[in-house]
PDB file of all heavy atoms in Angstrom:
ATOM      1  N   LEU A   1       0.843  -1.168   0.051  1.00  0.00           N
ATOM      2  CA  LEU A   1       0.035  -0.002  -0.017  1.00  0.00           C
ATOM      3  C   LEU A   1       0.851   1.138  -0.021  1.00  0.00           C
ATOM      4  O   LEU A   1       0.451   2.286  -0.529  1.00  0.00           O
ATOM      5  CB  LEU A   1      -1.021  -0.020   1.259  1.00  0.00           C
ATOM      6  CG  LEU A   1      -2.059   1.051   1.213  1.00  0.00           C
ATOM      7  CD1 LEU A   1      -2.927   0.945   0.014  1.00  0.00           C
ATOM      8  CD2 LEU A   1      -2.944   0.849   2.605  1.00  0.00           C
ATOM      9  N   ALA A   2       1.963   1.139   0.621  1.00  0.00           N
ATOM     10  CA  ALA A   2       2.856   2.338   0.682  1.00  0.00           C
ATOM     11  C   ALA A   2       3.449   2.824  -0.742  1.00  0.00           C
ATOM     12  O   ALA A   2       3.644   4.028  -0.837  1.00  0.00           O
ATOM     13  CB  ALA A   2       4.105   2.020   1.662  1.00  0.00           C
ATOM     14  N   VAL A   3       3.387   1.976  -1.646  1.00  0.00           N
ATOM     15  CA  VAL A   3       4.000   2.371  -2.966  1.00  0.00           C
ATOM     16  C   VAL A   3       2.830   2.443  -3.973  1.00  0.00           C
ATOM     17  O   VAL A   3       3.009   2.609  -5.172  1.00  0.00           O
ATOM     18  CB  VAL A   3       4.965   1.352  -3.535  1.00  0.00           C
ATOM     19  CG1 VAL A   3       6.151   1.243  -2.484  1.00  0.00           C
ATOM     20  CG2 VAL A   3       4.390  -0.051  -3.670  1.00  0.00           C
ATOM     21  N   HIS A   4       1.535   2.272  -3.584  1.00  0.00           N
ATOM     22  CA  HIS A   4       0.447   2.442  -4.420  1.00  0.00           C
ATOM     23  C   HIS A   4       0.305   3.876  -4.861  1.00  0.00           C
ATOM     24  O   HIS A   4       0.440   4.808  -4.219  1.00  0.00           O
ATOM     25  CB  HIS A   4      -0.984   2.079  -3.667  1.00  0.00           C
ATOM     26  CG  HIS A   4      -2.137   2.440  -4.419  1.00  0.00           C
ATOM     27  ND1 HIS A   4      -2.396   2.057  -5.641  1.00  0.00           N
ATOM     28  CD2 HIS A   4      -3.196   3.293  -3.986  1.00  0.00           C
ATOM     29  CE1 HIS A   4      -3.644   2.553  -6.061  1.00  0.00           C
ATOM     30  NE2 HIS A   4      -4.010   3.330  -4.984  1.00  0.00           N
ATOM     31  N   ASP A   5       0.143   3.919  -6.280  1.00  0.00           N
ATOM     32  CA  ASP A   5       0.049   5.201  -6.933  1.00  0.00           C
ATOM     33  C   ASP A   5      -0.956   5.253  -7.946  1.00  0.00           C
ATOM     34  O   ASP A   5      -0.803   4.597  -9.008  1.00  0.00           O
ATOM     35  CB  ASP A   5       1.457   5.698  -7.449  1.00  0.00           C
ATOM     36  CG  ASP A   5       1.273   7.069  -8.106  1.00  0.00           C
ATOM     37  OD1 ASP A   5       0.302   7.661  -8.058  1.00  0.00           O
ATOM     38  OD2 ASP A   5       2.366   7.507  -8.676  1.00  0.00           O
ATOM     39  N   PRO A   6      -2.246   5.749  -7.706  1.00  0.00           N
ATOM     40  CA  PRO A   6      -3.330   5.642  -8.710  1.00  0.00           C
ATOM     41  C   PRO A   6      -3.027   6.408 -10.059  1.00  0.00           C
ATOM     42  O   PRO A   6      -3.726   6.247 -10.964  1.00  0.00           O
ATOM     43  CB  PRO A   6      -4.539   6.304  -7.984  1.00  0.00           C
ATOM     44  CG  PRO A   6      -3.912   7.067  -6.885  1.00  0.00           C
ATOM     45  CD  PRO A   6      -2.648   6.436  -6.441  1.00  0.00           C
ATOM     46  N   ALA A   7      -1.948   7.261 -10.011  1.00  0.00           N
ATOM     47  CA  ALA A   7      -1.639   8.039 -11.242  1.00  0.00           C
ATOM     48  C   ALA A   7      -0.872   7.278 -12.131  1.00  0.00           C
ATOM     49  O   ALA A   7      -0.893   7.530 -13.347  1.00  0.00           O
ATOM     50  CB  ALA A   7      -0.839   9.347 -10.762  1.00  0.00           C
ATOM     51  N   ARG A   8      -0.219   6.100 -11.625  1.00  0.00           N
ATOM     52  CA  ARG A   8       0.360   5.194 -12.687  1.00  0.00           C
ATOM     53  C   ARG A   8      -0.517   4.331 -13.436  1.00  0.00           C
ATOM     54  O   ARG A   8      -1.795   4.243 -12.895  1.00  0.00           O
ATOM     55  CB  ARG A   8       1.350   4.310 -11.829  1.00  0.00           C
ATOM     56  CG  ARG A   8       2.565   4.785 -11.344  1.00  0.00           C
ATOM     57  CD  ARG A   8       3.533   3.776 -10.925  1.00  0.00           C
ATOM     58  NE  ARG A   8       3.079   3.011  -9.813  1.00  0.00           N
ATOM     59  CZ  ARG A   8       3.657   3.082  -8.638  1.00  0.00           C
ATOM     60  NH1 ARG A   8       4.545   3.887  -8.427  1.00  0.00           N
ATOM     61  NH2 ARG A   8       3.192   2.375  -7.618  1.00  0.00           N
ATOM     62  N   ARG A   9      -0.194   3.908 -14.496  1.00  0.00           N
ATOM     63  CA  ARG A   9      -1.015   2.852 -15.273  1.00  0.00           C
ATOM     64  C   ARG A   9      -1.274   1.661 -14.368  1.00  0.00           C
ATOM     65  O   ARG A   9      -0.400   1.241 -13.392  1.00  0.00           O
ATOM     66  CB  ARG A   9      -0.302   2.353 -16.463  1.00  0.00           C
ATOM     67  CG  ARG A   9      -0.108   3.423 -17.584  1.00  0.00           C
ATOM     68  CD  ARG A   9       0.399   2.809 -18.879  1.00  0.00           C
ATOM     69  NE  ARG A   9       1.580   2.005 -18.637  1.00  0.00           N
ATOM     70  CZ  ARG A   9       2.204   1.263 -19.527  1.00  0.00           C
ATOM     71  NH1 ARG A   9       1.420   1.051 -20.733  1.00  0.00           N
ATOM     72  NH2 ARG A   9       3.320   0.503 -19.313  1.00  0.00           N
ATOM     73  N   ALA A  10      -2.412   1.024 -14.371  1.00  0.00           N
ATOM     74  CA  ALA A  10      -2.817  -0.017 -13.665  1.00  0.00           C
ATOM     75  C   ALA A  10      -1.861  -1.134 -13.555  1.00  0.00           C
ATOM     76  O   ALA A  10      -1.658  -1.661 -12.382  1.00  0.00           O
ATOM     77  CB  ALA A  10      -4.254  -0.487 -14.052  1.00  0.00           C
ATOM     78  N   VAL A  11      -1.319  -1.513 -14.688  1.00  0.00           N
ATOM     79  CA  VAL A  11      -0.336  -2.692 -14.683  1.00  0.00           C
ATOM     80  C   VAL A  11       0.867  -2.283 -13.964  1.00  0.00           C
ATOM     81  O   VAL A  11       1.502  -3.187 -13.319  1.00  0.00           O
ATOM     82  CB  VAL A  11      -0.156  -3.129 -16.177  1.00  0.00           C
ATOM     83  CG1 VAL A  11       0.484  -1.992 -16.912  1.00  0.00           C
ATOM     84  CG2 VAL A  11       0.723  -4.387 -16.114  1.00  0.00           C
ATOM     85  N   ASP A  12       1.346  -0.996 -14.185  1.00  0.00           N
ATOM     86  CA  ASP A  12       2.568  -0.707 -13.524  1.00  0.00           C
ATOM     87  C   ASP A  12       2.311  -0.544 -11.948  1.00  0.00           C
ATOM     88  O   ASP A  12       3.120  -1.014 -11.092  1.00  0.00           O
ATOM     89  CB  ASP A  12       3.003   0.723 -13.976  1.00  0.00           C
ATOM     90  CG  ASP A  12       3.440   0.633 -15.333  1.00  0.00           C
ATOM     91  OD1 ASP A  12       3.754  -0.490 -15.891  1.00  0.00           O
ATOM     92  OD2 ASP A  12       3.466   1.688 -16.000  1.00  0.00           O
ATOM     93  N   ASP A  13       1.083  -0.057 -11.528  1.00  0.00           N
ATOM     94  CA  ASP A  13       0.783  -0.023 -10.085  1.00  0.00           C
ATOM     95  C   ASP A  13       0.709  -1.386  -9.469  1.00  0.00           C
ATOM     96  O   ASP A  13       1.266  -1.520  -8.364  1.00  0.00           O
ATOM     97  CB  ASP A  13      -0.520   0.706  -9.925  1.00  0.00           C
ATOM     98  CG  ASP A  13      -0.822   1.240  -8.448  1.00  0.00           C
ATOM     99  OD1 ASP A  13       0.295   1.511  -7.799  1.00  0.00           O
ATOM    100  OD2 ASP A  13      -1.984   1.423  -8.137  1.00  0.00           O
ATOM    101  N   GLY A  14       0.020  -2.272 -10.106  1.00  0.00           N
ATOM    102  CA  GLY A  14      -0.135  -3.613  -9.610  1.00  0.00           C
ATOM    103  C   GLY A  14       1.316  -4.364  -9.493  1.00  0.00           C
ATOM    104  O   GLY A  14       1.565  -4.899  -8.489  1.00  0.00           O
ATOM    105  N   TYR A  15       2.123  -4.140 -10.509  1.00  0.00           N
ATOM    106  CA  TYR A  15       3.449  -4.776 -10.414  1.00  0.00           C
ATOM    107  C   TYR A  15       4.407  -4.232  -9.426  1.00  0.00           C
ATOM    108  O   TYR A  15       4.896  -4.908  -8.536  1.00  0.00           O
ATOM    109  CB  TYR A  15       4.066  -4.632 -11.743  1.00  0.00           C
ATOM    110  CG  TYR A  15       5.525  -5.156 -11.825  1.00  0.00           C
ATOM    111  CD1 TYR A  15       5.857  -6.558 -11.853  1.00  0.00           C
ATOM    112  CD2 TYR A  15       6.651  -4.255 -11.681  1.00  0.00           C
ATOM    113  CE1 TYR A  15       7.120  -6.901 -11.823  1.00  0.00           C
ATOM    114  CE2 TYR A  15       7.938  -4.744 -11.728  1.00  0.00           C
ATOM    115  CZ  TYR A  15       8.241  -6.129 -11.807  1.00  0.00           C
ATOM    116  OH  TYR A  15       9.475  -6.514 -11.719  1.00  0.00           O
ATOM    117  N   THR A  16       4.356  -2.823  -9.108  1.00  0.00           N
ATOM    118  CA  THR A  16       5.051  -2.256  -8.214  1.00  0.00           C
ATOM    119  C   THR A  16       4.753  -2.620  -6.763  1.00  0.00           C
ATOM    120  O   THR A  16       5.551  -2.902  -5.920  1.00  0.00           O
ATOM    121  CB  THR A  16       5.039  -0.669  -8.375  1.00  0.00           C
ATOM    122  OG1 THR A  16       5.398  -0.204  -9.576  1.00  0.00           O
ATOM    123  CG2 THR A  16       5.813   0.004  -7.250  1.00  0.00           C
ATOM    124  N   MET A  17       3.359  -2.741  -6.538  1.00  0.00           N
ATOM    125  CA  MET A  17       2.911  -3.159  -5.222  1.00  0.00           C
ATOM    126  C   MET A  17       3.229  -4.653  -4.953  1.00  0.00           C
ATOM    127  O   MET A  17       3.623  -5.029  -3.920  1.00  0.00           O
ATOM    128  CB  MET A  17       1.345  -3.036  -5.131  1.00  0.00           C
ATOM    129  CG  MET A  17       0.914  -1.586  -5.238  1.00  0.00           C
ATOM    130  SD  MET A  17      -0.903  -1.306  -5.315  1.00  0.00           S
ATOM    131  CE  MET A  17      -1.324  -1.938  -3.646  1.00  0.00           C
ATOM    132  N   ALA A  18       3.218  -5.494  -5.973  1.00  0.00           N
ATOM    133  CA  ALA A  18       3.573  -6.893  -5.819  1.00  0.00           C
ATOM    134  C   ALA A  18       4.959  -6.988  -5.515  1.00  0.00           C
ATOM    135  O   ALA A  18       5.345  -7.884  -4.599  1.00  0.00           O
ATOM    136  CB  ALA A  18       3.109  -7.641  -7.014  1.00  0.00           C
ATOM    137  N   ARG A  19       5.849  -6.195  -6.193  1.00  0.00           N
ATOM    138  CA  ARG A  19       7.222  -6.210  -5.928  1.00  0.00           C
ATOM    139  C   ARG A  19       7.618  -5.772  -4.466  1.00  0.00           C
ATOM    140  O   ARG A  19       8.542  -6.438  -3.738  1.00  0.00           O
ATOM    141  CB  ARG A  19       8.039  -5.400  -6.913  1.00  0.00           C
ATOM    142  CG  ARG A  19       9.548  -5.443  -6.900  1.00  0.00           C
ATOM    143  CD  ARG A  19      10.166  -4.790  -8.031  1.00  0.00           C
ATOM    144  NE  ARG A  19       9.889  -3.346  -8.063  1.00  0.00           N
ATOM    145  CZ  ARG A  19      10.367  -2.468  -8.862  1.00  0.00           C
ATOM    146  NH1 ARG A  19      11.151  -2.895  -9.738  1.00  0.00           N
ATOM    147  NH2 ARG A  19      10.061  -1.223  -8.806  1.00  0.00           N
ATOM    148  N   ALA A  20       6.946  -4.797  -3.983  1.00  0.00           N
ATOM    149  CA  ALA A  20       7.108  -4.339  -2.599  1.00  0.00           C
ATOM    150  C   ALA A  20       6.729  -5.362  -1.610  1.00  0.00           C
ATOM    151  O   ALA A  20       7.501  -5.494  -0.614  1.00  0.00           O
ATOM    152  CB  ALA A  20       6.461  -2.912  -2.424  1.00  0.00           C
ATOM    153  N   ALA A  21       5.552  -5.954  -1.872  1.00  0.00           N
ATOM    154  CA  ALA A  21       5.103  -6.912  -0.959  1.00  0.00           C
ATOM    155  C   ALA A  21       6.065  -8.189  -0.934  1.00  0.00           C
ATOM    156  O   ALA A  21       6.394  -8.700   0.267  1.00  0.00           O
ATOM    157  CB  ALA A  21       3.725  -7.464  -1.427  1.00  0.00           C
ATOM    158  N   GLY A  22       6.567  -8.644  -2.065  1.00  0.00           N
ATOM    159  CA  GLY A  22       7.481  -9.663  -2.022  1.00  0.00           C
ATOM    160  C   GLY A  22       8.721  -9.390  -1.458  1.00  0.00           C
ATOM    161  O   GLY A  22       9.462 -10.261  -0.856  1.00  0.00           O
ATOM    162  N   ALA A  23       9.227  -8.201  -1.520  1.00  0.00           N
ATOM    163  CA  ALA A  23      10.524  -7.856  -0.879  1.00  0.00           C
ATOM    164  C   ALA A  23      10.442  -7.529   0.609  1.00  0.00           C
ATOM    165  O   ALA A  23      11.449  -7.501   1.248  1.00  0.00           O
ATOM    166  CB  ALA A  23      11.133  -6.535  -1.488  1.00  0.00           C
ATOM    167  N   ALA A  24       9.253  -7.630   1.212  1.00  0.00           N
ATOM    168  CA  ALA A  24       9.125  -7.395   2.582  1.00  0.00           C
ATOM    169  C   ALA A  24       9.159  -8.704   3.268  1.00  0.00           C
ATOM    170  O   ALA A  24       8.351  -9.511   3.305  1.00  0.00           O
ATOM    171  CB  ALA A  24       7.760  -6.756   2.920  1.00  0.00           C
ATOM    172  N   ARG A  25      10.303  -8.846   4.033  1.00  0.00           N
ATOM    173  CA  ARG A  25      10.445 -10.092   4.918  1.00  0.00           C
ATOM    174  C   ARG A  25       9.521  -9.990   6.088  1.00  0.00           C
ATOM    175  O   ARG A  25       9.416  -8.981   6.754  1.00  0.00           O
ATOM    176  CB  ARG A  25      11.970 -10.366   5.376  1.00  0.00           C
ATOM    177  CG  ARG A  25      12.864 -10.309   4.121  1.00  0.00           C
ATOM    178  CD  ARG A  25      14.282 -10.526   4.658  1.00  0.00           C
ATOM    179  NE  ARG A  25      14.896  -9.424   5.459  1.00  0.00           N
ATOM    180  CZ  ARG A  25      15.392  -8.405   4.934  1.00  0.00           C
ATOM    181  NH1 ARG A  25      15.353  -8.169   3.576  1.00  0.00           N
ATOM    182  NH2 ARG A  25      15.874  -7.457   5.674  1.00  0.00           N
ATOM    183  N   HIS A  26       8.952 -11.124   6.353  1.00  0.00           N
ATOM    184  CA  HIS A  26       7.907 -10.977   7.423  1.00  0.00           C
ATOM    185  C   HIS A  26       7.854 -12.325   8.320  1.00  0.00           C
ATOM    186  O   HIS A  26       8.258 -13.396   7.893  1.00  0.00           O
ATOM    187  CB  HIS A  26       6.539 -10.728   6.877  1.00  0.00           C
ATOM    188  CG  HIS A  26       5.932 -11.772   5.990  1.00  0.00           C
ATOM    189  ND1 HIS A  26       4.946 -12.691   6.530  1.00  0.00           N
ATOM    190  CD2 HIS A  26       6.067 -12.233   4.707  1.00  0.00           C
ATOM    191  CE1 HIS A  26       4.656 -13.577   5.583  1.00  0.00           C
ATOM    192  NE2 HIS A  26       5.288 -13.355   4.450  1.00  0.00           N
ATOM    193  N   GLY A  27       7.351 -12.188   9.543  1.00  0.00           N
ATOM    194  CA  GLY A  27       7.138 -13.272  10.397  1.00  0.00           C
ATOM    195  C   GLY A  27       6.098 -12.917  11.435  1.00  0.00           C
ATOM    196  O   GLY A  27       5.597 -11.847  11.427  1.00  0.00           O
ATOM    197  N   SER A  28       5.851 -13.773  12.454  1.00  0.00           N
ATOM    198  CA  SER A  28       4.929 -13.582  13.446  1.00  0.00           C
ATOM    199  C   SER A  28       5.486 -14.218  14.821  1.00  0.00           C
ATOM    200  O   SER A  28       6.378 -14.964  14.716  1.00  0.00           O
ATOM    201  CB  SER A  28       3.613 -14.170  13.061  1.00  0.00           C
ATOM    202  OG  SER A  28       3.671 -15.604  12.924  1.00  0.00           O
TER     203      SER A  28
END
């Protein structure tokens, strides 16, 4: 969500968000 930009083309926005999500290491 932090990199979501509605001004970008939809395909670019979705790809950028997916890449940011995948780069975030996570645990619980």
